[in-house]
Protein backbone atom coordinates (compact mmCIF):
# COMPACT_ATOMS: atom_id res chain seq x y z
CA MET A 1 -21.75 -34.80 -36.33
CA ARG A 2 -24.02 -34.06 -32.71
CA ALA A 3 -20.67 -34.99 -31.02
CA THR A 4 -18.69 -32.99 -33.08
CA TRP A 5 -20.80 -29.41 -32.00
CA LEU A 6 -21.30 -30.63 -28.58
CA GLY A 7 -17.12 -30.66 -29.09
CA LEU A 8 -17.03 -27.33 -30.28
CA ALA A 9 -19.72 -25.91 -28.33
CA VAL A 10 -17.60 -27.06 -25.04
CA VAL A 11 -14.39 -25.52 -26.80
CA ALA A 12 -15.95 -22.18 -26.94
CA LEU A 13 -17.60 -22.47 -23.53
CA VAL A 14 -13.77 -22.59 -22.06
CA LEU A 15 -12.87 -20.03 -24.64
CA MET A 16 -15.34 -17.59 -23.07
CA VAL A 17 -15.05 -18.39 -19.58
CA GLY A 18 -11.27 -17.65 -20.00
CA SER A 19 -11.87 -14.63 -21.56
CA ALA A 20 -14.26 -13.44 -19.19
CA ALA A 21 -11.56 -13.83 -16.31
CA GLN A 22 -8.81 -12.45 -18.24
CA ALA A 23 -10.90 -9.36 -18.67
CA ALA A 24 -12.61 -9.14 -14.93
CA ALA A 25 -8.48 -8.73 -13.95
CA GLY A 26 -8.00 -6.53 -16.63
CA ASP A 27 -10.35 -4.57 -15.55
CA ALA A 28 -10.13 -5.01 -12.24
CA GLU A 29 -8.31 -1.67 -10.68
CA TRP A 30 -5.21 -1.30 -7.70
CA PRO A 31 -4.03 1.85 -9.03
CA GLY A 32 -1.32 1.78 -5.94
CA TRP A 33 -0.32 1.92 -2.81
CA LEU A 34 -2.98 0.17 -0.55
CA GLY A 35 -5.84 0.32 -3.42
CA PRO A 36 -8.13 2.07 -4.89
CA SER A 37 -9.09 4.03 -1.24
CA ARG A 38 -5.91 3.79 0.33
CA ASP A 39 -7.16 1.78 3.10
CA GLY A 40 -5.82 -1.84 2.16
CA ARG A 41 -9.41 -3.19 0.46
CA SER A 42 -10.01 -4.83 -2.08
CA PRO A 43 -13.14 -4.47 -3.87
CA ASP A 44 -13.01 -8.42 -5.07
CA HIS A 45 -15.68 -10.98 -4.29
CA GLY A 46 -16.45 -14.48 -5.01
CA LEU A 47 -12.59 -15.72 -3.58
CA LEU A 48 -11.88 -18.81 -2.09
CA LYS A 49 -12.76 -19.20 1.31
CA GLN A 50 -10.32 -22.16 2.35
CA TRP A 51 -6.77 -22.56 0.49
CA PRO A 52 -5.83 -25.79 -0.56
CA ALA A 53 -2.97 -27.50 1.53
CA GLU A 54 -0.51 -26.42 -1.05
CA GLY A 55 -1.79 -22.77 -1.15
CA PRO A 56 -3.58 -21.69 -3.82
CA LYS A 57 -2.78 -22.26 -7.39
CA LEU A 58 0.03 -20.32 -8.91
CA VAL A 59 -0.29 -18.14 -12.01
CA TRP A 60 3.11 -17.35 -12.44
CA LYS A 61 6.15 -16.16 -11.05
CA VAL A 62 8.79 -14.05 -11.82
CA ASP A 63 12.18 -13.77 -10.19
CA SER A 64 13.95 -10.70 -11.59
CA ILE A 65 12.75 -7.88 -10.59
CA GLY A 66 15.71 -6.84 -7.85
CA PRO A 67 15.20 -6.27 -4.31
CA GLY A 68 12.94 -4.14 -2.68
CA TRP A 69 9.98 -3.88 -0.56
CA SER A 70 7.46 -2.40 -3.06
CA THR A 71 4.35 -4.06 -3.84
CA VAL A 72 1.95 -3.96 -7.16
CA ALA A 73 -0.26 -1.52 -8.75
CA VAL A 74 -2.41 -3.03 -11.10
CA THR A 75 -4.03 -1.16 -13.55
CA GLY A 76 -5.10 -1.11 -16.83
CA GLY A 77 -4.43 -4.73 -17.56
CA ARG A 78 -0.86 -3.99 -16.32
CA VAL A 79 1.14 -4.94 -13.03
CA TYR A 80 3.96 -2.29 -11.72
CA THR A 81 6.25 -2.58 -9.73
CA THR A 82 10.22 -1.09 -8.74
CA GLY A 83 12.92 -3.13 -7.84
CA ASN A 84 17.11 -2.44 -7.51
CA ALA A 85 19.42 -3.27 -10.35
CA GLY A 86 23.33 -2.25 -9.37
CA ASP A 87 23.01 0.92 -8.41
CA LYS A 88 19.55 2.10 -10.02
CA GLN A 89 16.07 1.72 -8.87
CA MET A 90 13.83 0.00 -11.63
CA LEU A 91 10.34 0.59 -12.67
CA ILE A 92 9.23 -2.39 -13.90
CA CYS A 93 5.97 -3.34 -16.05
CA LEU A 94 4.42 -6.55 -16.75
CA ASP A 95 1.00 -7.93 -18.15
CA LEU A 96 -1.13 -10.12 -16.33
CA ASP A 97 0.75 -13.14 -17.99
CA GLY A 98 3.85 -11.87 -16.41
CA LYS A 99 5.38 -11.05 -19.27
CA GLU A 100 7.75 -8.33 -18.74
CA LYS A 101 6.55 -4.96 -21.50
CA TRP A 102 9.65 -2.88 -20.00
CA ARG A 103 11.53 -1.19 -17.39
CA VAL A 104 12.94 1.76 -17.37
CA GLU A 105 15.95 3.38 -14.99
CA GLN A 106 14.14 5.44 -12.26
CA GLY A 107 16.82 7.15 -10.51
CA PRO A 108 19.65 5.90 -7.81
CA LYS A 109 19.10 2.82 -5.45
CA CYS A 110 18.20 3.64 -2.09
CA ASN A 111 22.01 3.60 -0.36
CA HIS A 112 21.05 2.35 3.10
CA GLY A 113 23.71 0.23 2.90
CA LYS A 114 21.85 -2.35 5.62
CA TYR A 115 18.37 -1.92 4.00
CA PRO A 116 18.82 -1.01 -0.16
CA GLY A 117 15.95 -2.39 -1.38
CA ALA A 118 13.55 -0.46 -3.17
CA ARG A 119 10.33 0.87 -1.38
CA SER A 120 8.34 3.25 -3.49
CA THR A 121 5.06 1.34 -5.14
CA PRO A 122 4.30 2.57 -8.03
CA THR A 123 1.12 5.35 -8.35
CA VAL A 124 -0.80 4.83 -12.06
CA ASP A 125 -3.09 7.85 -13.24
CA GLY A 126 -4.38 6.69 -16.32
CA GLN A 127 -1.47 7.25 -18.76
CA ARG A 128 1.07 7.98 -16.03
CA ILE A 129 3.06 6.45 -13.23
CA TYR A 130 4.40 8.22 -10.46
CA VAL A 131 7.38 7.02 -7.97
CA THR A 132 9.84 8.50 -5.39
CA GLY A 133 13.25 6.89 -5.14
CA GLY A 134 14.83 6.53 -1.46
CA ASP A 135 17.11 9.77 -2.45
CA GLY A 136 14.05 11.73 -2.48
CA LEU A 137 13.89 11.89 -6.09
CA VAL A 138 10.21 11.86 -7.97
CA THR A 139 9.54 10.72 -11.39
CA CYS A 140 6.41 11.17 -13.48
CA HIS A 141 6.45 8.47 -16.48
CA ARG A 142 4.15 7.46 -19.37
CA ALA A 143 2.77 4.60 -18.83
CA GLU A 144 2.82 2.99 -22.41
CA ASP A 145 6.62 2.88 -22.07
CA GLY A 146 8.08 4.54 -18.87
CA GLN A 147 9.89 7.03 -20.19
CA ILE A 148 10.32 10.08 -17.61
CA ILE A 149 8.31 13.24 -18.62
CA TRP A 150 9.15 14.97 -15.41
CA LYS A 151 11.40 14.58 -12.24
CA ARG A 152 12.05 16.55 -9.23
CA ASN A 153 14.55 15.76 -5.98
CA MET A 154 12.89 16.50 -2.73
CA ALA A 155 16.20 16.74 -0.92
CA ARG A 156 17.63 18.80 -3.03
CA GLU A 157 15.06 21.01 -4.74
CA MET A 158 12.56 21.15 -1.68
CA GLY A 159 14.48 21.45 1.33
CA GLY A 160 13.54 18.10 2.09
CA LYS A 161 14.57 16.28 5.46
CA VAL A 162 13.81 12.29 5.96
CA GLY A 163 14.95 9.51 9.44
CA GLY A 164 18.01 7.50 8.39
CA TRP A 165 16.54 4.92 6.29
CA GLN A 166 15.71 7.41 3.47
CA TYR A 167 12.35 8.26 1.63
CA ALA A 168 9.85 5.26 0.94
CA GLU A 169 6.50 6.97 0.03
CA SER A 170 4.50 6.76 -2.63
CA VAL A 171 3.10 9.22 -4.45
CA LEU A 172 -0.49 10.86 -3.68
CA ILE A 173 -2.57 12.02 -6.69
CA LEU A 174 -5.61 14.30 -5.96
CA ASP A 175 -7.14 15.72 -8.48
CA ASN A 176 -4.83 17.69 -10.65
CA LEU A 177 -1.71 17.31 -7.73
CA ALA A 178 0.92 14.89 -6.97
CA ILE A 179 1.29 15.48 -3.42
CA VAL A 180 5.02 14.75 -1.75
CA THR A 181 6.16 14.26 1.92
CA PRO A 182 9.57 15.80 1.24
CA GLY A 183 9.66 16.53 5.15
CA GLY A 184 11.82 20.07 6.62
CA ARG A 185 10.36 23.65 6.65
CA ASN A 186 7.82 22.68 3.89
CA ALA A 187 6.72 18.69 5.29
CA LEU A 188 4.21 18.62 2.72
CA VAL A 189 4.21 19.86 -0.68
CA ALA A 190 1.66 20.04 -4.12
CA LEU A 191 3.18 19.54 -7.45
CA ASP A 192 1.24 19.55 -10.63
CA LYS A 193 0.75 16.20 -11.84
CA SER A 194 1.49 16.72 -15.39
CA THR A 195 4.20 19.23 -15.01
CA GLY A 196 5.74 18.72 -11.72
CA GLN A 197 5.94 22.28 -10.97
CA ASP A 198 4.89 23.87 -7.57
CA VAL A 199 1.28 24.48 -6.45
CA TRP A 200 0.85 24.91 -2.79
CA LYS A 201 3.58 24.30 0.08
CA SER A 202 2.14 23.24 3.20
CA ASP A 203 3.38 25.73 6.63
CA VAL A 204 4.34 21.77 8.64
CA SER A 205 7.42 21.51 9.58
CA ALA A 206 8.50 17.95 10.17
CA THR A 207 11.20 15.14 9.27
CA ALA A 208 9.56 12.74 6.59
CA GLY A 209 9.22 9.35 7.86
CA TYR A 210 7.96 6.39 5.66
CA SER A 211 4.42 6.64 5.53
CA SER A 212 1.98 7.59 2.80
CA CYS A 213 -0.27 10.60 2.68
CA ILE A 214 -4.58 9.71 2.76
CA VAL A 215 -7.15 12.29 2.42
CA ILE A 216 -10.25 12.70 4.60
CA ASP A 217 -13.22 14.90 3.20
CA ASP A 218 -16.28 16.59 4.73
CA LYS A 219 -18.67 17.33 2.35
CA ASP A 220 -17.39 20.39 1.07
CA ALA A 221 -13.93 20.17 2.55
CA ARG A 222 -10.84 17.85 2.41
CA ILE A 223 -7.43 17.50 4.24
CA ILE A 224 -4.57 15.14 3.95
CA VAL A 225 -3.58 13.70 6.83
CA ASN A 226 0.37 11.51 7.13
CA GLY A 227 2.42 10.14 9.68
CA SER A 228 6.06 11.52 10.24
CA GLN A 229 9.41 11.05 12.79
CA SER A 230 7.39 14.36 14.32
CA GLY A 231 4.48 12.90 14.16
CA LEU A 232 0.78 13.21 12.98
CA PHE A 233 -0.27 15.97 10.36
CA ALA A 234 -3.02 17.70 8.59
CA VAL A 235 -3.53 20.25 6.19
CA ASP A 236 -6.02 21.80 3.82
CA ALA A 237 -5.81 19.77 0.51
CA ALA A 238 -6.26 23.19 -1.84
CA THR A 239 -3.91 25.36 0.26
CA GLY A 240 -1.26 23.11 1.90
CA ARG A 241 -2.53 25.45 5.44
CA LYS A 242 -1.85 23.43 8.64
CA ILE A 243 -5.41 22.15 10.40
CA TRP A 244 -3.51 20.07 13.04
CA THR A 245 -0.48 18.38 14.36
CA SER A 246 0.29 15.40 17.07
CA ASP A 247 3.44 14.79 18.26
CA PHE A 248 2.62 11.02 18.99
CA ALA A 249 5.33 8.55 18.54
CA SER A 250 8.29 11.16 18.24
CA PRO A 251 10.34 10.87 18.62
CA ASN A 252 10.70 7.00 17.83
CA THR A 253 13.24 5.10 15.66
CA ALA A 254 11.49 4.74 12.11
CA ASN A 255 7.77 5.71 11.77
CA VAL A 256 6.33 3.12 8.92
CA PRO A 257 2.53 2.50 8.56
CA THR A 258 0.15 4.89 6.83
CA PRO A 259 -2.38 6.31 9.26
CA ALA A 260 -6.33 4.71 8.50
CA TYR A 261 -9.13 6.62 8.39
CA ALA A 262 -12.81 5.00 9.12
CA ASP A 263 -16.27 5.94 10.36
CA GLY A 264 -14.96 9.31 11.92
CA HIS A 265 -11.94 7.49 13.65
CA LEU A 266 -8.46 8.41 12.51
CA PHE A 267 -6.23 5.54 13.34
CA TRP A 268 -2.15 5.67 13.46
CA GLY A 269 -0.07 2.82 15.05
CA VAL A 270 3.15 2.26 14.65
CA GLY A 271 6.40 -0.31 16.23
CA TYR A 272 9.06 -0.06 18.54
CA GLY A 273 7.08 -0.04 21.73
CA LYS A 274 4.80 3.20 20.73
CA GLY A 275 1.67 1.31 20.23
CA GLY A 276 -0.83 3.12 18.19
CA ILE A 277 -3.48 6.41 18.79
CA CYS A 278 -7.08 6.90 17.07
CA TYR A 279 -8.61 10.13 17.16
CA LYS A 280 -12.50 10.69 16.49
CA VAL A 281 -12.81 13.31 13.54
CA SER A 282 -15.47 16.10 13.49
CA ARG A 283 -15.68 19.29 12.03
CA ALA A 284 -18.51 22.11 12.72
CA GLY A 285 -18.29 25.74 11.87
CA GLY A 286 -16.02 25.16 9.12
CA ALA A 287 -13.07 23.87 11.95
CA TRP A 288 -11.63 20.53 12.21
CA ASN A 289 -11.36 18.79 15.53
CA PHE A 290 -9.14 15.96 16.50
CA GLU A 291 -10.45 14.19 20.16
CA GLN A 292 -7.88 11.86 21.38
CA ALA A 293 -10.17 8.32 21.65
CA TRP A 294 -8.10 6.20 23.11
CA THR A 295 -4.12 4.48 22.99
CA THR A 296 -3.12 0.98 22.69
CA LYS A 297 -0.07 -0.90 22.81
CA ASP A 298 -1.63 -3.89 21.83
CA LEU A 299 -0.85 -2.92 17.86
CA ASN A 300 2.99 -2.79 17.36
CA CYS A 301 3.18 -2.30 13.74
CA HIS A 302 6.93 -1.96 12.89
CA PRO A 303 7.01 -2.16 9.22
CA GLY A 304 3.38 -3.63 8.66
CA ASN A 305 0.15 -1.75 8.27
CA TYR A 306 -3.57 -2.61 9.30
CA VAL A 307 -6.99 -2.86 7.83
CA VAL A 308 -9.99 -1.26 9.43
CA ALA A 309 -13.29 -3.71 8.36
CA ASP A 310 -16.82 -3.39 9.95
CA GLY A 311 -15.82 -1.58 12.54
CA ARG A 312 -12.30 -3.25 13.77
CA ILE A 313 -9.00 -2.81 13.08
CA TYR A 314 -6.61 -5.82 11.93
CA GLY A 315 -2.79 -5.45 12.87
CA LYS A 316 0.14 -6.57 14.41
CA GLY A 317 0.39 -6.92 18.09
CA ARG A 318 1.27 -10.04 19.73
CA GLY A 319 0.19 -12.22 16.05
CA LEU A 320 -2.45 -10.77 14.67
CA THR A 321 -4.42 -8.77 16.75
CA CYS A 322 -7.97 -7.35 16.79
CA VAL A 323 -8.96 -4.20 18.21
CA ASP A 324 -12.62 -2.01 18.51
CA LEU A 325 -12.01 1.04 16.31
CA LYS A 326 -14.53 3.21 18.16
CA SER A 327 -13.64 2.18 21.94
CA GLY A 328 -10.08 0.63 21.50
CA ARG A 329 -10.60 -2.83 23.16
CA THR A 330 -8.51 -5.46 21.88
CA LEU A 331 -11.11 -8.32 21.11
CA TRP A 332 -8.48 -10.81 20.67
CA SER A 333 -5.13 -11.99 19.63
CA GLU A 334 -3.84 -15.00 17.35
CA ARG A 335 -0.37 -16.62 17.42
CA ILE A 336 -0.64 -16.31 13.21
CA GLY A 337 2.53 -14.61 11.78
CA ALA A 338 1.21 -11.09 11.12
CA GLY A 339 2.88 -8.14 9.75
CA GLN A 340 1.05 -7.20 6.37
CA VAL A 341 -2.35 -7.16 5.91
CA CYS A 342 -4.87 -6.92 2.73
CA TRP A 343 -8.61 -7.33 3.28
CA ALA A 344 -10.70 -8.95 0.17
CA ASP A 345 -14.18 -10.33 0.54
CA GLY A 346 -14.75 -10.88 4.30
CA MET A 347 -11.33 -12.64 4.68
CA LEU A 348 -7.20 -11.18 6.52
CA TYR A 349 -4.63 -11.93 3.51
CA VAL A 350 -1.40 -11.91 6.16
CA LEU A 351 2.18 -11.90 5.32
CA ALA A 352 4.53 -12.24 7.66
CA ASP A 353 7.56 -9.93 8.52
CA SER A 354 9.86 -12.84 7.89
CA GLY A 355 10.10 -16.14 5.79
CA GLY A 356 7.47 -15.41 2.92
CA VAL A 357 4.30 -16.97 5.21
CA ALA A 358 1.26 -16.06 3.98
CA THR A 359 -1.99 -17.00 5.94
CA LEU A 360 -5.93 -16.68 5.22
CA VAL A 361 -7.65 -15.79 7.86
CA GLU A 362 -11.67 -15.67 8.71
CA PRO A 363 -11.95 -12.69 11.15
CA SER A 364 -15.28 -12.41 13.76
CA ALA A 365 -15.35 -10.78 16.98
CA GLY A 366 -14.22 -13.42 19.17
CA GLY A 367 -11.13 -14.96 16.95
CA GLY A 368 -9.47 -15.49 13.93
CA LYS A 369 -9.60 -19.27 12.07
CA VAL A 370 -6.55 -20.07 9.80
CA ALA A 371 -8.05 -20.94 6.16
CA GLY A 372 -5.17 -21.19 4.37
CA ARG A 373 -1.39 -21.22 4.71
CA PHE A 374 2.03 -21.38 2.23
CA GLN A 375 5.26 -20.08 1.81
CA VAL A 376 6.82 -18.20 -1.08
CA ALA A 377 11.00 -17.70 -1.48
CA GLY A 378 12.95 -15.50 -1.09
CA GLU A 379 15.13 -13.89 1.44
CA GLY A 380 15.40 -11.54 4.42
CA ALA A 381 12.39 -9.66 5.60
CA SER A 382 8.94 -9.93 3.49
CA TRP A 383 7.58 -6.77 4.06
CA ALA A 384 5.80 -5.96 1.01
CA HIS A 385 2.40 -6.11 1.10
CA PRO A 386 0.05 -8.35 -0.44
CA VAL A 387 -2.51 -6.83 -2.66
CA VAL A 388 -5.86 -9.21 -3.87
CA ILE A 389 -7.64 -7.77 -6.93
CA GLY A 390 -9.03 -9.38 -10.08
CA GLY A 391 -9.63 -12.59 -8.36
CA ARG A 392 -5.44 -13.02 -8.04
CA LEU A 393 -2.87 -12.59 -5.04
CA TYR A 394 0.01 -10.87 -5.65
CA LEU A 395 3.09 -11.59 -3.67
CA ARG A 396 6.76 -9.98 -3.37
CA TYR A 397 9.02 -11.37 -1.59
CA ASP A 398 12.78 -10.23 -1.91
CA THR A 399 13.88 -10.51 -6.01
CA ASN A 400 10.55 -12.45 -6.53
CA LEU A 401 6.76 -11.92 -7.83
CA TYR A 402 4.17 -13.87 -7.38
CA CYS A 403 0.45 -14.25 -8.96
CA PHE A 404 -1.92 -16.46 -7.64
CA ASP A 405 -5.49 -17.69 -8.27
CA VAL A 406 -7.79 -16.93 -5.52
CA LYS A 407 -11.02 -16.87 -7.21
CA ALA A 408 -13.84 -19.32 -6.13
CA GLN A 409 -14.21 -22.07 -8.43
């Protein structure tokens, strides 16, 4: 009898641990592009510091999401992404076991012949999901079943102007606003997130690039910053009034990465030999000031991004490169296949631009130590950004979406 009770106790403990792990994964929030703060940093702790030789444990794999480079939003116990199916872009919802809950047509697929994959990562705000299509169609969906609540077209309705690779941004939700970058005479437009109606149009003129907006707060003031084919710009978040512009990296073949802000410094690094630029941002007497601090050629981020942690920028250069945020001094560069980077629990999760090679890196001021490497299957460029949330690593390569367990045991 004692053995029976002991066995039941063990089973109960296992179920409790499993339920707790599932609840933790479900409670974790990564609501859209680059995470909760749009900085590529995960709030997770208690993760593996070394991967097994074969890589972390595979929880599930889905091979039917369609071609694309969008990554995932993970919130409310669901996983959202986009992918192409035929001539349409689809919005797809999975549960935390990788089972498909629903998929709906968002709009036409991006029609750029050489790069037709889905681009926009869904932005989840409570019971609503916001997505951008390559042709400029912005849609708001019900999280319950994906049905469209409203839609607007940035190209046709807003006089949008975008680079040759079409629209790729992820919608920014800020209070009651859904903010998008159509480009053109009114490069940034704020919509009512409930109805899709115009709230304000910025007085900045620019050709839209492929990055997404970030927010900078200073006590009672708030601005929105984005990169474009015409350079960087900042507008007042309440009115859309122009605050500042910079023509860095204009013209360029493609300006893709999203700007990063940390510790009073705004950094933007792009590809095609342009490198990066950093501004010291301050505000006095109600006026914003952007003072150029430094430039570098050592961060040359083509489609990928970079993360800022502990006063250092980590991103793609000649391999994985580390630059001091305040001085711009290059601290190190390692021969690690770099491209897309996520920061979690003091470690870097890196997905190479090609081949689907994922690397776990322990960074320091003196160098980056490889703590694991493995490869996922797919074809073409592996440009989707890794996501670490709820003790899981999500990797998207081509038509495949993988979920790995990266919790420390």
